Amino acid sequence: MPLPILGALVVLGICGLVFLVHLMGGTKRPTYADEAEATAALLVDYPEADIRRTMLADDGRAALFELAYGVGYAAPFGEGRLTRIFQAGDIRLVDDGQDGLTLHLTDYTAPRLSMKIAGADDRAAWQARLSNLGAAT
């Protein structure tokens, strides 16, 4: 078989497999169904967390937790999860966009995290809480 035809068949086969995986839901971003599921995810990594209040993102892709000693964050990530507990000095900046918050962190493994929060009052309250963590030393 000529090389150009073989190359075309390989490329078409790979594209077909990617399309099939997409149709079967393999590219869908995971979400939390409710606050209880997000809380359970945080408690797996931080079982000692004393959760006072939970805020699930509007799209279910992240959650913030007001803790007795900081602020927690959880987001589903592939088959696992990304969890963090922020304390004084962990947050450099909190940006308030029109549909949510973006956290700029001092942690190079996750320098920026975002969360969709439609309610302006909720965004302002969480921004104030998170900004106070960044300002503390």
Foldseek 3Di string as FASTA:
>chain_A
DDPVVVVVVVVVVVVVVVVVCVVVPVPPFDFDPDQVSQVVQQCVVVVPWAFDDKDAFPVRQKIWTDTPAFIKIWGADRPHIDIDGAAAQQFQAWDQDQFWIKTQGPDPVDRIDIGGDNDPVVRVVVRVRNVVSDPGD
